[in-house]
Amino acid sequence: MNVLITGTEGYIGTRLASWLLADNHTVTGLDTGFYREGTLYHNPIEQPELISTKCTDLRYIKAAYLAQFDAIIHLAELSNDPLGEHNPEVTYEINHLGSVHLAQAARKAGVKRFIYASSCSVYGAAQTDFVDELSPVNPQTAYARCKTMVEKDLISMASNDFSVVFLRNATAYGPSPRMRFDIVLNDLCALAWTKKKIAMLSDGSPWRPIVHIEDICEAMRCALIAPITSVNGEIFNVGHSDENYRIRDIANMIASVFTDCQVTSGPTSGDNRSYRVSFEKIKNQLPGFKCKWQAKDGVIELKHLFERIDMHESMYQFRAFTRLNQLTYLQQTNQVDEKLFWLNK
């Protein structure tokens, strides 16, 4: 297929683009370039060409730019809860209105498939022990609320001519050239390596589902080529049911691999976000998909990466690897305005 990936220069997008290129798809990227400055390690794998730099902001993409594509995989939003809460108004403008605008333009252009990267964070403070795709959502942050709003608006657009699939990813982990150290397993592994200590600010009791970046890429690859009748209008939680962990269990798992690392915990947190997620639907209903990674294997993989690149603390703390820090820097240095449009670009 001829595929457009939005956010192709981000954490997942960098890995996904090469994943699909290896599967013989033609891939083009759309990315505004906020995180282009940060590369944790050299990526020797072929990367796609970017769509015209005159229309890199999804808020202003036009249908004419999309007419050549068979499918769009949409990743390009402001990612994670702290970043979303930093400026909720801009978060809604980009993550909700921008995503809906992109989907409307895609449908107008005749794009046949639209795959939306949603998040298990929509479950928020879960009311039951295990939640699945039929469970009520309970978003607690601007980021998660936007995900639910996009899902609601896009589901009404699904038709025989415009297939829409929603992939609610568990919290990602694993290496990427455009690394993120503001997600839990990656962050704790980096602390274990650079500080030799994981000092949790809470008791670590909340539950989180986690999933390797390659399993996310594989879910997107499978959703892209699945028969439309099996995926159109469907929501799939992306992960494995055995990969739900308390934060403290993740920390202790990491300490078992980074053996010179000490783990300490704090008081009970006021953050009520806690959810365990069932991933049985994707295992049984998304053709070809199988989750291959377990968390401890991912920890070992990251330890080997840190050893190979001789990662030091300044690399861990580099602003581009923490999304909020990078966008704050771009604003403070007058490179982007308050609505995150590039200035003098």
Protein backbone atom coordinates (compact mmCIF):
# COMPACT_ATOMS: atom_id res chain seq x y z
CA MET A 1 0.00 0.00 0.00
CA ASN A 2 0.90 3.65 -0.27
CA VAL A 3 0.86 4.70 3.39
CA LEU A 4 1.15 8.06 5.15
CA ILE A 5 2.40 7.98 8.75
CA THR A 6 1.89 11.13 10.78
CA GLY A 7 4.48 11.62 13.49
CA THR A 8 6.98 9.60 11.52
CA GLU A 9 9.92 11.32 13.23
CA GLY A 10 8.68 10.57 16.72
CA TYR A 11 9.28 7.73 19.15
CA ILE A 12 6.96 5.16 17.56
CA GLY A 13 6.91 6.67 14.08
CA THR A 14 10.65 6.24 13.55
CA ARG A 15 10.38 2.53 14.25
CA LEU A 16 7.03 2.05 12.47
CA ALA A 17 8.21 3.61 9.21
CA SER A 18 11.07 1.14 8.85
CA TRP A 19 8.75 -1.69 9.96
CA LEU A 20 6.37 -1.00 7.08
CA LEU A 21 9.11 -0.31 4.56
CA ALA A 22 10.50 -3.76 5.35
CA ASP A 23 7.01 -5.13 4.59
CA ASN A 24 7.23 -3.62 1.08
CA HIS A 25 4.79 -0.77 1.62
CA THR A 26 5.50 2.65 0.18
CA VAL A 27 5.73 5.02 3.15
CA THR A 28 5.64 8.81 3.36
CA GLY A 29 5.97 10.78 6.58
CA LEU A 30 4.26 13.85 7.97
CA ASP A 31 5.98 15.48 10.94
CA THR A 32 6.34 19.01 12.22
CA GLY A 33 9.81 18.25 13.56
CA PHE A 34 9.58 19.15 17.24
CA TYR A 35 11.85 16.26 18.29
CA ARG A 36 14.15 16.10 15.27
CA GLU A 37 17.04 17.39 17.35
CA GLY A 38 17.23 14.36 19.60
CA THR A 39 18.72 11.05 18.46
CA LEU A 40 19.82 8.53 21.10
CA TYR A 41 21.59 6.23 18.66
CA HIS A 42 22.27 6.03 14.95
CA ASN A 43 19.47 4.51 12.93
CA PRO A 44 20.91 2.75 9.87
CA ILE A 45 17.50 1.68 8.59
CA GLU A 46 15.89 3.45 5.64
CA GLN A 47 13.47 6.22 6.56
CA PRO A 48 10.66 7.60 4.38
CA GLU A 49 10.50 10.87 2.54
CA LEU A 50 8.49 13.60 4.25
CA ILE A 51 5.44 15.19 2.73
CA SER A 52 5.91 18.82 1.60
CA THR A 53 7.27 20.95 4.42
CA LYS A 54 4.62 23.57 3.65
CA CYS A 55 1.89 21.44 5.24
CA THR A 56 3.57 19.59 8.09
CA ASP A 57 1.09 20.74 10.75
CA LEU A 58 -1.89 18.37 10.77
CA ARG A 59 -4.17 21.24 11.79
CA TYR A 60 -3.88 22.64 8.26
CA ILE A 61 -3.44 19.56 6.11
CA LYS A 62 -5.51 19.68 2.93
CA ALA A 63 -7.27 16.82 1.19
CA ALA A 64 -5.22 17.48 -1.96
CA TYR A 65 -2.07 16.38 -0.15
CA LEU A 66 -3.66 13.06 0.82
CA ALA A 67 -5.22 11.88 -2.43
CA GLN A 68 -2.27 9.65 -3.33
CA PHE A 69 -2.50 7.50 -0.18
CA ASP A 70 -4.31 4.21 0.37
CA ALA A 71 -4.03 4.46 4.15
CA ILE A 72 -3.05 6.80 6.98
CA ILE A 73 -1.64 5.75 10.34
CA HIS A 74 -2.10 8.70 12.68
CA LEU A 75 0.42 9.06 15.51
CA ALA A 76 1.08 12.81 15.50
CA GLU A 77 -0.43 14.25 18.66
CA LEU A 78 0.95 15.85 21.80
CA SER A 79 1.89 12.75 23.71
CA ASN A 80 1.40 11.81 27.37
CA ASP A 81 -0.44 13.24 30.35
CA PRO A 82 2.06 15.84 31.68
CA LEU A 83 2.44 17.43 28.27
CA GLY A 84 -1.32 17.51 27.75
CA GLU A 85 -1.94 19.14 31.12
CA HIS A 86 0.72 21.78 30.48
CA ASN A 87 -1.60 23.57 28.04
CA PRO A 88 -4.97 21.81 27.78
CA GLU A 89 -6.33 24.32 25.24
CA VAL A 90 -3.57 23.60 22.73
CA THR A 91 -3.85 19.89 23.49
CA TYR A 92 -7.53 19.94 22.48
CA GLU A 93 -6.74 22.00 19.39
CA ILE A 94 -4.10 19.56 18.15
CA ASN A 95 -5.11 16.19 19.56
CA HIS A 96 -8.85 16.46 19.12
CA LEU A 97 -9.66 19.05 16.47
CA GLY A 98 -6.48 18.43 14.48
CA SER A 99 -7.01 14.67 14.40
CA VAL A 100 -10.65 15.00 13.34
CA HIS A 101 -9.65 17.51 10.66
CA LEU A 102 -7.05 15.05 9.33
CA ALA A 103 -9.61 12.24 9.18
CA GLN A 104 -12.15 14.45 7.40
CA ALA A 105 -9.53 15.49 4.86
CA ALA A 106 -8.53 11.85 4.36
CA ARG A 107 -12.12 10.78 3.73
CA LYS A 108 -12.62 13.65 1.29
CA ALA A 109 -9.42 12.63 -0.53
CA GLY A 110 -10.62 9.05 -0.97
CA VAL A 111 -8.19 7.43 1.49
CA LYS A 112 -9.57 3.96 2.22
CA ARG A 113 -8.08 3.20 5.64
CA PHE A 114 -7.44 5.33 8.72
CA ILE A 115 -5.69 3.79 11.73
CA TYR A 116 -5.77 5.90 14.88
CA ALA A 117 -3.25 5.47 17.69
CA SER A 118 -5.39 5.79 20.80
CA SER A 119 -4.34 4.85 24.33
CA CYS A 120 -5.30 2.66 27.27
CA SER A 121 -5.08 5.84 29.33
CA VAL A 122 -8.74 6.39 28.36
CA TYR A 123 -9.61 3.92 31.14
CA GLY A 124 -8.11 6.33 33.70
CA ALA A 125 -9.37 5.39 37.13
CA ALA A 126 -10.87 2.03 36.25
CA GLN A 127 -13.99 0.96 38.11
CA THR A 128 -13.47 -2.78 37.62
CA ASP A 129 -10.53 -5.12 38.09
CA PHE A 130 -9.96 -5.74 34.38
CA VAL A 131 -11.26 -3.46 31.65
CA ASP A 132 -11.79 -4.30 27.99
CA GLU A 133 -12.98 -2.50 24.89
CA LEU A 134 -16.59 -2.59 26.10
CA SER A 135 -15.81 -1.10 29.51
CA PRO A 136 -16.74 2.51 30.25
CA VAL A 137 -13.90 4.95 29.70
CA ASN A 138 -12.93 7.22 32.58
CA PRO A 139 -10.24 9.63 31.33
CA GLN A 140 -8.51 11.73 33.98
CA THR A 141 -6.38 14.07 31.86
CA ALA A 142 -6.65 16.31 28.81
CA TYR A 143 -4.58 13.84 26.81
CA ALA A 144 -6.87 10.92 27.64
CA ARG A 145 -10.05 12.95 27.19
CA CYS A 146 -8.93 13.95 23.71
CA LYS A 147 -8.42 10.30 22.81
CA THR A 148 -12.01 9.49 23.78
CA MET A 149 -13.32 12.49 21.85
CA VAL A 150 -11.45 11.52 18.68
CA GLU A 151 -12.73 7.95 18.95
CA LYS A 152 -16.30 9.20 19.30
CA ASP A 153 -16.05 11.57 16.34
CA LEU A 154 -14.25 9.15 14.03
CA ILE A 155 -16.46 6.13 14.70
CA SER A 156 -19.34 7.98 13.07
CA MET A 157 -17.20 8.47 9.95
CA ALA A 158 -16.52 4.74 9.40
CA SER A 159 -18.08 3.33 6.24
CA ASN A 160 -17.47 0.81 3.51
CA ASP A 161 -15.41 3.46 1.72
CA PHE A 162 -13.52 4.74 4.78
CA SER A 163 -12.36 2.10 7.25
CA VAL A 164 -11.44 3.42 10.69
CA VAL A 165 -9.56 1.34 13.29
CA PHE A 166 -8.72 2.39 16.84
CA LEU A 167 -5.66 0.95 18.56
CA ARG A 168 -5.62 1.68 22.28
CA ASN A 169 -1.94 1.14 23.01
CA ALA A 170 -0.72 0.20 26.44
CA THR A 171 2.16 2.33 27.73
CA ALA A 172 5.02 1.80 25.32
CA TYR A 173 8.60 0.88 26.14
CA GLY A 174 11.70 -0.12 24.23
CA PRO A 175 14.44 1.58 22.20
CA SER A 176 13.94 4.12 19.44
CA PRO A 177 16.37 6.60 17.87
CA ARG A 178 13.85 9.30 18.87
CA MET A 179 13.88 8.02 22.42
CA ARG A 180 11.41 8.87 25.14
CA PHE A 181 12.44 8.84 28.77
CA ASP A 182 9.10 10.24 29.97
CA ILE A 183 7.36 6.85 29.90
CA VAL A 184 7.59 4.55 32.83
CA LEU A 185 9.76 1.55 31.94
CA ASN A 186 12.18 3.54 29.78
CA ASP A 187 12.51 6.18 32.48
CA LEU A 188 13.10 3.73 35.31
CA CYS A 189 15.68 1.81 33.27
CA ALA A 190 17.54 5.05 32.56
CA LEU A 191 17.48 5.94 36.26
CA ALA A 192 18.80 2.50 37.15
CA TRP A 193 21.66 2.94 34.66
CA THR A 194 22.64 6.55 35.35
CA LYS A 195 21.72 7.01 39.02
CA LYS A 196 21.95 3.42 40.28
CA LYS A 197 18.77 4.25 42.15
CA ILE A 198 15.03 4.30 41.47
CA ALA A 199 13.46 6.64 44.02
CA MET A 200 9.71 6.40 43.52
CA LEU A 201 7.74 9.42 44.70
CA SER A 202 4.76 7.21 45.58
CA ASP A 203 4.18 3.70 46.85
CA GLY A 204 4.06 2.41 43.28
CA SER A 205 0.71 0.69 43.76
CA PRO A 206 -1.13 1.87 40.58
CA TRP A 207 -1.55 -0.66 37.78
CA ARG A 208 -0.33 -0.01 34.25
CA PRO A 209 -0.36 -2.20 31.14
CA ILE A 210 2.87 -1.91 29.15
CA VAL A 211 3.77 -3.01 25.63
CA HIS A 212 6.96 -3.11 23.59
CA ILE A 213 7.27 -0.63 20.74
CA GLU A 214 7.72 -3.47 18.25
CA ASP A 215 4.43 -5.05 19.31
CA ILE A 216 2.72 -1.70 18.68
CA CYS A 217 4.30 -1.57 15.23
CA GLU A 218 3.14 -5.12 14.53
CA ALA A 219 -0.43 -4.30 15.60
CA MET A 220 -0.44 -1.38 13.19
CA ARG A 221 0.98 -3.52 10.39
CA CYS A 222 -1.73 -6.14 10.96
CA ALA A 223 -4.50 -3.55 11.14
CA LEU A 224 -3.24 -2.06 7.88
CA ILE A 225 -3.56 -5.28 5.88
CA ALA A 226 -6.47 -6.98 7.67
CA PRO A 227 -9.73 -7.50 5.74
CA ILE A 228 -11.73 -4.33 6.16
CA THR A 229 -14.76 -6.30 7.31
CA SER A 230 -12.80 -7.60 10.31
CA VAL A 231 -11.47 -4.26 11.58
CA ASN A 232 -13.66 -1.40 10.37
CA GLY A 233 -15.03 0.55 13.30
CA GLU A 234 -13.29 -1.72 15.80
CA ILE A 235 -11.35 -0.79 18.93
CA PHE A 236 -8.42 -2.99 19.94
CA ASN A 237 -6.46 -2.73 23.16
CA VAL A 238 -2.82 -3.31 22.14
CA GLY A 239 -0.76 -5.42 24.52
CA HIS A 240 -0.92 -8.73 26.35
CA SER A 241 -3.07 -9.53 29.37
CA ASP A 242 -0.06 -10.88 31.29
CA GLU A 243 1.74 -7.55 30.89
CA ASN A 244 -0.17 -5.57 33.53
CA TYR A 245 2.11 -4.47 36.38
CA ARG A 246 2.11 -2.29 39.44
CA ILE A 247 4.70 0.48 39.09
CA ARG A 248 6.66 -0.94 42.03
CA ASP A 249 6.78 -4.34 40.33
CA ILE A 250 8.27 -2.72 37.23
CA ALA A 251 10.89 -1.01 39.41
CA ASN A 252 11.81 -4.26 41.16
CA MET A 253 11.98 -6.11 37.84
CA ILE A 254 14.42 -3.50 36.57
CA ALA A 255 16.52 -3.82 39.72
CA SER A 256 16.79 -7.56 39.09
CA VAL A 257 18.50 -6.77 35.76
CA PHE A 258 20.41 -3.63 36.77
CA THR A 259 21.76 -5.43 39.81
CA ASP A 260 23.59 -2.42 41.32
CA CYS A 261 20.36 -0.41 41.45
CA GLN A 262 18.52 0.40 44.69
CA VAL A 263 14.74 0.88 44.77
CA THR A 264 12.97 3.11 47.31
CA SER A 265 9.31 4.08 47.53
CA GLY A 266 7.33 7.01 48.88
CA PRO A 267 3.87 7.65 50.37
CA THR A 268 0.56 6.83 48.73
CA SER A 269 -0.03 9.13 45.79
CA GLY A 270 -3.10 11.27 45.16
CA ASP A 271 -3.00 10.18 41.51
CA ASN A 272 -5.98 7.87 41.06
CA ARG A 273 -5.05 6.60 37.59
CA SER A 274 -4.87 2.83 37.83
CA TYR A 275 -6.11 0.25 35.37
CA ARG A 276 -5.56 -3.35 34.38
CA VAL A 277 -6.48 -4.12 30.81
CA SER A 278 -7.61 -7.21 28.97
CA PHE A 279 -6.00 -7.78 25.57
CA GLU A 280 -7.95 -10.87 24.60
CA LYS A 281 -9.78 -9.17 21.74
CA ILE A 282 -6.67 -8.29 19.76
CA LYS A 283 -5.20 -11.73 20.36
CA ASN A 284 -8.32 -13.43 19.03
CA GLN A 285 -9.69 -11.02 16.44
CA LEU A 286 -6.88 -9.08 14.74
CA PRO A 287 -5.63 -11.41 11.98
CA GLY A 288 -1.95 -12.23 12.26
CA PHE A 289 -1.23 -10.34 15.46
CA LYS A 290 0.74 -11.87 18.31
CA CYS A 291 2.41 -10.01 21.16
CA LYS A 292 6.03 -11.21 21.29
CA TRP A 293 7.69 -9.18 24.04
CA GLN A 294 7.66 -9.51 27.82
CA ALA A 295 8.69 -6.64 30.03
CA LYS A 296 11.82 -8.25 31.49
CA ASP A 297 13.13 -8.97 27.99
CA GLY A 298 12.62 -5.30 27.21
CA VAL A 299 14.56 -4.30 30.32
CA ILE A 300 17.45 -6.52 29.26
CA GLU A 301 17.30 -5.04 25.75
CA LEU A 302 17.56 -1.50 27.12
CA LYS A 303 20.45 -2.44 29.41
CA HIS A 304 22.35 -3.82 26.41
CA LEU A 305 21.61 -0.63 24.46
CA PHE A 306 22.86 1.60 27.26
CA GLU A 307 26.04 -0.46 27.46
CA ARG A 308 26.58 -0.30 23.71
CA ILE A 309 26.18 3.46 23.39
CA ASP A 310 27.88 4.16 26.75
CA MET A 311 24.89 6.22 27.81
CA HIS A 312 25.70 8.88 30.38
CA GLU A 313 23.44 11.07 32.47
CA SER A 314 23.50 14.04 30.10
CA MET A 315 22.05 11.83 27.36
CA TYR A 316 19.27 10.67 29.67
CA GLN A 317 18.47 14.25 30.63
CA PHE A 318 18.62 15.69 27.11
CA ARG A 319 15.47 17.75 26.65
CA ALA A 320 14.27 16.12 23.41
CA PHE A 321 13.84 12.78 25.18
CA THR A 322 11.24 14.31 27.52
CA ARG A 323 8.48 15.78 25.39
CA LEU A 324 7.37 18.54 27.78
CA ASN A 325 10.97 19.72 28.27
CA GLN A 326 11.55 19.96 24.52
CA LEU A 327 8.41 21.93 23.76
CA THR A 328 9.08 24.24 26.72
CA TYR A 329 12.55 24.87 25.33
CA LEU A 330 11.21 25.62 21.84
CA GLN A 331 8.79 28.16 23.32
CA GLN A 332 11.35 29.77 25.64
CA THR A 333 13.76 30.22 22.74
CA ASN A 334 11.03 31.73 20.52
CA GLN A 335 11.14 28.93 17.98
CA VAL A 336 7.43 28.09 18.38
CA ASP A 337 4.57 30.27 19.56
CA GLU A 338 2.08 29.63 22.34
CA LYS A 339 0.00 27.44 20.03
CA LEU A 340 3.05 25.45 18.93
CA PHE A 341 3.32 26.84 15.44
CA TRP A 342 6.87 27.33 14.19
CA LEU A 343 8.08 30.92 14.06
CA ASN A 344 10.16 32.16 11.10
CA LYS A 345 10.36 28.67 9.65
